Amino acid sequence: MTTLKLNSMSRLILNRIQVFSKPVIWICFFRVMVSFFLKQR
C-alpha cells in the first residue's frame, strides 16, 4: 500500500467517525485494526 492511498483511507475513516462519532464505531475500528495486525504477523 502506498502512503497516499493510506492517507486518503484514514481521511475517509476519520470523516466517517466525525459523522457518526459513536464509541461503537471506535471499538469496531480498533478490533478490525487489531485483527488486521495479527494477520500480518
C-alpha atoms as a PDB file:
ATOM      1  CA  MET A   1       0.000   0.000   0.000  1.00  0.00           C
ATOM      2  CA  THR A   2       1.209   3.472  -0.825  1.00  0.00           C
ATOM      3  CA  THR A   3       1.244   6.254   1.759  1.00  0.00           C
ATOM      4  CA  LEU A   4      -1.050   8.385  -0.403  1.00  0.00           C
ATOM      5  CA  LYS A   5      -3.683   5.650  -0.511  1.00  0.00           C
ATOM      6  CA  LEU A   6      -3.320   5.098   3.227  1.00  0.00           C
ATOM      7  CA  ASN A   7      -3.738   8.811   3.886  1.00  0.00           C
ATOM      8  CA  SER A   8      -6.908   9.007   1.813  1.00  0.00           C
ATOM      9  CA  MET A   9      -8.257   5.908   3.561  1.00  0.00           C
ATOM     10  CA  SER A  10      -7.538   7.291   7.023  1.00  0.00           C
ATOM     11  CA  ARG A  11      -9.130  10.580   5.991  1.00  0.00           C
ATOM     12  CA  LEU A  12     -12.252   8.724   4.863  1.00  0.00           C
ATOM     13  CA  ILE A  13     -12.367   6.797   8.135  1.00  0.00           C
ATOM     14  CA  LEU A  14     -11.867   9.988  10.141  1.00  0.00           C
ATOM     15  CA  ASN A  15     -14.674  11.682   8.224  1.00  0.00           C
ATOM     16  CA  ARG A  16     -16.978   8.761   8.972  1.00  0.00           C
ATOM     17  CA  ILE A  17     -16.031   8.819  12.654  1.00  0.00           C
ATOM     18  CA  GLN A  18     -16.812  12.547  12.732  1.00  0.00           C
ATOM     19  CA  VAL A  19     -20.187  11.880  11.131  1.00  0.00           C
ATOM     20  CA  PHE A  20     -21.175   9.061  13.483  1.00  0.00           C
ATOM     21  CA  SER A  21     -18.896   9.893  16.431  1.00  0.00           C
ATOM     22  CA  LYS A  22     -20.093   6.959  18.498  1.00  0.00           C
ATOM     23  CA  PRO A  23     -17.919   4.810  20.785  1.00  0.00           C
ATOM     24  CA  VAL A  24     -19.217   1.721  18.989  1.00  0.00           C
ATOM     25  CA  ILE A  25     -17.527   2.899  15.782  1.00  0.00           C
ATOM     26  CA  TRP A  26     -14.244   3.335  17.644  1.00  0.00           C
ATOM     27  CA  ILE A  27     -14.473  -0.135  19.199  1.00  0.00           C
ATOM     28  CA  CYS A  28     -15.250  -1.764  15.838  1.00  0.00           C
ATOM     29  CA  PHE A  29     -12.428   0.139  14.169  1.00  0.00           C
ATOM     30  CA  PHE A  30      -9.999  -0.851  16.927  1.00  0.00           C
ATOM     31  CA  ARG A  31     -10.961  -4.513  16.722  1.00  0.00           C
ATOM     32  CA  VAL A  32     -10.580  -4.521  12.934  1.00  0.00           C
ATOM     33  CA  MET A  33      -7.143  -2.914  13.222  1.00  0.00           C
ATOM     34  CA  VAL A  34      -6.035  -5.422  15.865  1.00  0.00           C
ATOM     35  CA  SER A  35      -7.193  -8.395  13.780  1.00  0.00           C
ATOM     36  CA  PHE A  36      -5.509  -6.895  10.714  1.00  0.00           C
ATOM     37  CA  PHE A  37      -2.177  -6.519  12.518  1.00  0.00           C
ATOM     38  CA  LEU A  38      -2.457 -10.018  13.947  1.00  0.00           C
ATOM     39  CA  LYS A  39      -2.980 -11.437  10.454  1.00  0.00           C
ATOM     40  CA  GLN A  40       0.113  -9.585   9.217  1.00  0.00           C
ATOM     41  CA  ARG A  41       2.332 -11.497  11.677  1.00  0.00           C
END
